[in-house]
Every structure is written in C-alpha cells, then in structure tokens.
Amino acid sequence: MPNQYNHEEVLLFCGRLEKTYTPAAADVLDDMGFMHQSMESGFVSIITDAVVAGPAYTIEEARTRKSTKLAEYDPAFVAQALSAVFGSMQKGQVIAVSTNGFWGAGAFGELMATTSKYVGGVKAAVVDGPVRDIRRTLEIGFPVWARGNIPTDSIGRTDLVGVGSPIYCGGVTVKPGDIIFADRDGVVVIPVQDVDLEEVVVKAEEIVAAERRSRQEIRNGMSLLDVYKKYGKL
C-alpha cells in the first residue's frame, strides 16, 4: 500500500515536481505500469510557461436539463451551490473540471478563478472544455489549462453535477487528492492511492538529471549512439 502523506508533505512533493516536467512524470508512471495517466491532447494553458502540481479538487458539470435565468434561481439554492463549490477548497489544490462533453458554455471563468485563488488558496485549474474571461483571469495570474474558449455564460446552460467525487477528465479518471501535474506539454494525473508519490517524484527527478546529462554530452559532440552505450539509456 502506498505511503500516506499529510497535506503539507504533499505540497512539498508537488513543489519538487514543478521543478521537473510532465514527460518525466509520464515516463515514470509508464514504467510503473500506469500507461493511461496523461490527459488527451488539446489542453493549453492560458499562461504559456505555467507549471503547477497539486492535489485534485474535482468539479463535475453537465449540460442543463432546464434553461433558467440567474434572476429565476432561488437565492438559497445559489448560496448552497456556491458553498458546495468553494466551501472545502484547500491551499495548493488544482481544480479539475469535467463538462461531460458539453462545450456550449464557459465551464470556468474569472469569478471562479478569483474566488478559487483568493478565498480557496487554489493554484490552478484544468478544464475539460472551454473557458471564458481569459484576459481578466490573466490579470490575476491564475493558470488555467483548457480545451478551448467561448464567451458564452454557463448560467442557464450548465448544471453543477457534483463536487469532490471521482470524475472523468481528459480521458483520465481523476479522484479527489490525485496529483495533477500540468505544464506546456500537457497534463498528467498521479493516482496517489495506487502509487507512492515520493517514489514518483524521486524517479522524475532522476530522469530530469539523466536527460540533462545526456543533452550536455550531445552538445559536446558525442553521438546519440555513444550516449546510449555510455549510459544504457537516452
């Protein structure tokens, strides 16, 4: 059974992950037999060079069954929904949003980003669908990985299905607390109930160091074949 770490220990491991890169983590998980932990292609960060790793905070949305204007919502229902979304966030988490395939409205926007960052302490979001309010989200420096953009509001188009349950995001099952690691190459999900987080981090660091060493050898004129013969790997 994988080691269990407290929240602060997890954040420290995530800080170390952020000094590596997602391909290294993906390779480690492949070697461990977890071949399907990288989200599908198409996730792009609105902040080009952003790198984040943190425990998953899951949100599930879907196309609404009944279109309703904001003014028609019961205020108590709105308060309950807001409490459900933002009430249990923890510092350093990364939001993962499933839209259940509905791309007709912004699944994440500036108000969610602002509240998540300044109230919840969340560091980023990964959205399996389109987002909006990108310019204003950029103003607060909140990284968002998404699969598109759209100006349309979610009110009257999207229902909140649930918070804090396993979701299917980018072709990968994401459970609350799984580590979401995202950079310019894409998004990797580390299933912490199945693998030891420290082991993944250490092995990713080793890959980065080895690749840096091999890269320098090639720059110094050594052939790719000679690098492989010398180190037994590339």
Protein backbone atom coordinates (compact mmCIF):
# COMPACT_ATOMS: atom_id res chain seq x y z
CA MET A 1 0.00 0.00 0.00
CA PRO A 2 1.42 3.45 -0.93
CA ASN A 3 2.64 5.70 1.85
CA GLN A 4 0.14 8.22 3.17
CA TYR A 5 1.28 11.83 3.45
CA ASN A 6 -0.31 14.82 5.13
CA HIS A 7 -1.35 17.85 3.12
CA GLU A 8 1.81 19.85 3.80
CA GLU A 9 4.03 16.91 2.83
CA VAL A 10 2.08 16.50 -0.39
CA LEU A 11 2.57 20.18 -1.22
CA LEU A 12 6.31 19.82 -0.68
CA PHE A 13 6.43 16.90 -3.11
CA CYS A 14 4.39 18.96 -5.57
CA GLY A 15 6.92 21.78 -5.30
CA ARG A 16 9.65 19.33 -6.28
CA LEU A 17 7.55 18.03 -9.18
CA GLU A 18 7.20 21.57 -10.51
CA LYS A 19 10.98 21.66 -10.97
CA THR A 20 10.72 18.69 -13.36
CA TYR A 21 8.39 18.34 -16.35
CA THR A 22 5.32 16.31 -17.25
CA PRO A 23 7.03 14.00 -19.77
CA ALA A 24 9.34 12.78 -16.99
CA ALA A 25 6.38 12.04 -14.71
CA ALA A 26 4.53 10.34 -17.57
CA ASP A 27 7.57 8.13 -18.25
CA VAL A 28 7.80 7.17 -14.57
CA LEU A 29 4.14 6.18 -14.49
CA ASP A 30 4.57 4.20 -17.72
CA ASP A 31 7.43 2.27 -16.11
CA MET A 32 5.22 1.55 -13.11
CA GLY A 33 2.53 0.10 -15.35
CA PHE A 34 0.18 3.12 -15.34
CA MET A 35 0.06 3.77 -19.08
CA HIS A 36 -3.02 5.99 -19.26
CA GLN A 37 -2.38 8.84 -16.82
CA SER A 38 -1.78 11.63 -19.33
CA MET A 39 -4.82 13.63 -20.36
CA GLU A 40 -5.69 13.73 -24.03
CA SER A 41 -4.05 16.31 -26.25
CA GLY A 42 -5.61 19.73 -26.64
CA PHE A 43 -5.18 21.15 -23.13
CA VAL A 44 -3.48 24.54 -23.43
CA SER A 45 -2.54 26.88 -20.60
CA ILE A 46 -3.61 30.50 -20.87
CA ILE A 47 -0.22 31.28 -19.22
CA THR A 48 2.28 29.76 -21.65
CA ASP A 49 5.09 28.85 -19.26
CA ALA A 50 2.98 27.94 -16.22
CA VAL A 51 3.94 24.81 -14.30
CA VAL A 52 1.73 23.54 -11.48
CA ALA A 53 1.31 20.42 -9.39
CA GLY A 54 -1.25 19.95 -6.65
CA PRO A 55 -3.94 17.69 -5.19
CA ALA A 56 -7.05 17.49 -7.34
CA TYR A 57 -10.22 19.32 -6.34
CA THR A 58 -12.89 17.86 -8.58
CA ILE A 59 -15.93 19.58 -10.07
CA GLU A 60 -18.42 17.93 -12.41
CA GLU A 61 -20.69 19.90 -14.74
CA ALA A 62 -23.13 18.93 -17.49
CA ARG A 63 -25.48 20.48 -19.99
CA THR A 64 -28.52 21.80 -18.14
CA ARG A 65 -31.82 19.96 -18.30
CA LYS A 66 -33.79 23.19 -17.88
CA SER A 67 -32.61 26.61 -19.06
CA THR A 68 -33.07 29.18 -16.28
CA LYS A 69 -32.06 32.82 -15.94
CA LEU A 70 -29.98 33.82 -12.92
CA ALA A 71 -32.81 36.00 -11.57
CA GLU A 72 -35.10 32.97 -11.54
CA TYR A 73 -32.85 30.90 -9.27
CA ASP A 74 -33.79 30.57 -5.61
CA PRO A 75 -31.17 32.58 -3.65
CA ALA A 76 -30.89 29.76 -1.13
CA PHE A 77 -30.10 27.35 -3.96
CA VAL A 78 -27.41 29.70 -5.30
CA ALA A 79 -25.86 30.04 -1.84
CA GLN A 80 -25.87 26.27 -1.41
CA ALA A 81 -24.22 25.74 -4.79
CA LEU A 82 -21.52 28.32 -4.07
CA SER A 83 -20.86 26.75 -0.69
CA ALA A 84 -20.59 23.33 -2.31
CA VAL A 85 -18.05 24.56 -4.87
CA PHE A 86 -15.87 26.80 -2.72
CA GLY A 87 -16.51 25.67 0.85
CA SER A 88 -13.98 22.84 1.10
CA MET A 89 -11.08 24.03 -1.04
CA GLN A 90 -7.57 23.76 0.41
CA LYS A 91 -4.38 25.68 -0.24
CA GLY A 92 -2.33 24.38 -3.13
CA GLN A 93 -5.04 22.34 -4.81
CA VAL A 94 -5.61 22.21 -8.57
CA ILE A 95 -9.21 22.24 -9.77
CA ALA A 96 -10.21 19.61 -12.31
CA VAL A 97 -13.46 20.25 -14.17
CA SER A 98 -15.43 17.68 -16.16
CA THR A 99 -18.08 19.06 -18.50
CA ASN A 100 -19.40 15.64 -19.55
CA GLY A 101 -18.75 16.63 -23.14
CA PHE A 102 -20.76 19.88 -23.13
CA TRP A 103 -18.80 22.64 -24.86
CA GLY A 104 -21.60 25.16 -25.32
CA ALA A 105 -20.68 27.48 -22.43
CA GLY A 106 -17.69 28.62 -20.43
CA ALA A 107 -17.06 25.95 -17.82
CA PHE A 108 -14.71 28.22 -15.85
CA GLY A 109 -14.27 31.99 -15.76
CA GLU A 110 -12.74 34.95 -13.96
CA LEU A 111 -15.08 34.97 -10.95
CA MET A 112 -14.40 31.30 -10.26
CA ALA A 113 -10.67 31.89 -10.75
CA THR A 114 -10.65 34.89 -8.42
CA THR A 115 -12.61 33.12 -5.67
CA SER A 116 -10.59 29.92 -6.03
CA LYS A 117 -7.30 31.80 -5.75
CA TYR A 118 -8.04 34.38 -3.08
CA VAL A 119 -10.59 32.51 -0.96
CA GLY A 120 -9.71 28.87 -1.51
CA GLY A 121 -5.94 29.17 -1.99
CA VAL A 122 -6.17 27.06 -5.15
CA LYS A 123 -3.24 27.42 -7.55
CA ALA A 124 -4.71 26.49 -10.97
CA ALA A 125 -7.50 24.77 -12.89
CA VAL A 126 -7.67 22.12 -15.59
CA VAL A 127 -10.90 22.26 -17.58
CA ASP A 128 -12.08 19.56 -19.97
CA GLY A 129 -13.97 22.05 -22.08
CA PRO A 130 -13.99 25.76 -22.96
CA VAL A 131 -13.36 28.70 -20.63
CA ARG A 132 -14.09 32.41 -20.79
CA ASP A 133 -12.95 35.72 -19.22
CA ILE A 134 -9.39 34.84 -20.21
CA ARG A 135 -8.00 38.38 -20.20
CA ARG A 136 -9.30 39.07 -16.69
CA THR A 137 -8.11 35.67 -15.47
CA LEU A 138 -4.67 36.56 -16.80
CA GLU A 139 -4.77 39.80 -14.80
CA ILE A 140 -4.79 37.83 -11.54
CA GLY A 141 -2.14 35.41 -12.78
CA PHE A 142 -4.27 32.29 -12.35
CA PRO A 143 -3.16 29.42 -14.64
CA VAL A 144 -5.93 27.57 -16.45
CA TRP A 145 -5.48 24.64 -18.81
CA ALA A 146 -8.48 24.26 -21.11
CA ARG A 147 -9.51 22.69 -24.39
CA GLY A 148 -11.00 25.81 -25.90
CA ASN A 149 -12.54 29.21 -25.28
CA ILE A 150 -16.03 30.65 -25.65
CA PRO A 151 -17.71 33.90 -24.49
CA THR A 152 -20.99 32.20 -23.51
CA ASP A 153 -22.07 32.21 -19.85
CA SER A 154 -22.79 28.94 -18.07
CA ILE A 155 -25.93 30.31 -16.39
CA GLY A 156 -28.96 28.68 -18.00
CA ARG A 157 -26.78 26.28 -19.95
CA THR A 158 -24.82 24.24 -17.39
CA ASP A 159 -25.76 22.37 -14.23
CA LEU A 160 -23.43 21.63 -11.36
CA VAL A 161 -23.49 17.84 -11.03
CA GLY A 162 -21.16 17.38 -8.09
CA VAL A 163 -18.06 18.39 -6.17
CA GLY A 164 -15.43 16.17 -4.57
CA SER A 165 -16.21 12.93 -6.39
CA PRO A 166 -14.22 10.98 -8.99
CA ILE A 167 -14.59 12.47 -12.46
CA TYR A 168 -13.52 11.63 -16.00
CA CYS A 169 -11.38 14.49 -17.28
CA GLY A 170 -9.38 14.48 -20.49
CA GLY A 171 -9.74 10.74 -20.83
CA VAL A 172 -8.37 10.05 -17.34
CA THR A 173 -10.18 9.20 -14.12
CA VAL A 174 -9.34 11.86 -11.54
CA LYS A 175 -10.05 11.15 -7.90
CA PRO A 176 -10.01 13.87 -5.24
CA GLY A 177 -6.46 14.15 -3.93
CA ASP A 178 -4.79 12.67 -7.01
CA ILE A 179 -1.90 14.87 -8.06
CA ILE A 180 -2.50 16.96 -11.16
CA PHE A 181 0.78 17.98 -12.80
CA ALA A 182 0.50 20.38 -15.73
CA ASP A 183 2.91 22.33 -17.88
CA ARG A 184 3.35 23.32 -21.52
CA ASP A 185 3.44 19.68 -22.63
CA GLY A 186 0.08 18.79 -21.12
CA VAL A 187 -1.47 17.29 -18.00
CA VAL A 188 -0.52 14.17 -16.02
CA VAL A 189 -2.59 12.64 -13.20
CA ILE A 190 -0.68 10.78 -10.48
CA PRO A 191 -3.03 8.25 -8.79
CA VAL A 192 -1.86 8.55 -5.20
CA GLN A 193 -3.99 5.64 -3.98
CA ASP A 194 -2.06 3.33 -6.30
CA VAL A 195 1.50 4.69 -6.34
CA ASP A 196 3.84 6.21 -3.80
CA LEU A 197 4.07 9.94 -4.50
CA GLU A 198 7.61 10.27 -3.18
CA GLU A 199 8.79 7.45 -5.43
CA VAL A 200 7.25 9.14 -8.48
CA VAL A 201 8.87 12.45 -7.59
CA VAL A 202 12.32 10.94 -6.98
CA LYS A 203 12.24 8.95 -10.22
CA ALA A 204 11.08 12.01 -12.19
CA GLU A 205 13.98 13.98 -10.72
CA GLU A 206 16.36 11.19 -11.74
CA ILE A 207 15.03 11.26 -15.30
CA VAL A 208 15.48 15.02 -15.50
CA ALA A 209 19.06 14.76 -14.23
CA ALA A 210 19.88 11.93 -16.66
CA GLU A 211 18.37 13.77 -19.62
CA ARG A 212 20.25 16.93 -18.70
CA ARG A 213 23.49 14.91 -18.59
CA SER A 214 22.83 13.23 -21.96
CA ARG A 215 21.82 16.53 -23.53
CA GLN A 216 25.12 18.08 -22.46
CA GLU A 217 27.08 15.12 -23.85
CA ILE A 218 25.37 15.54 -27.23
CA ARG A 219 26.06 19.28 -27.21
CA ASN A 220 29.70 18.46 -26.55
CA GLY A 221 29.77 16.35 -29.71
CA MET A 222 29.02 12.80 -28.53
CA SER A 223 26.76 10.82 -30.85
CA LEU A 224 23.37 9.61 -29.74
CA LEU A 225 24.56 6.02 -30.08
CA ASP A 226 27.65 6.68 -27.93
CA VAL A 227 25.48 8.36 -25.28
CA TYR A 228 23.29 5.27 -25.22
CA LYS A 229 26.30 2.95 -24.98
CA LYS A 230 27.78 5.01 -22.15
CA TYR A 231 24.67 5.33 -20.00
CA GLY A 232 22.45 2.48 -21.18
CA LYS A 233 19.57 4.89 -21.83
CA LEU A 234 18.82 8.18 -23.52
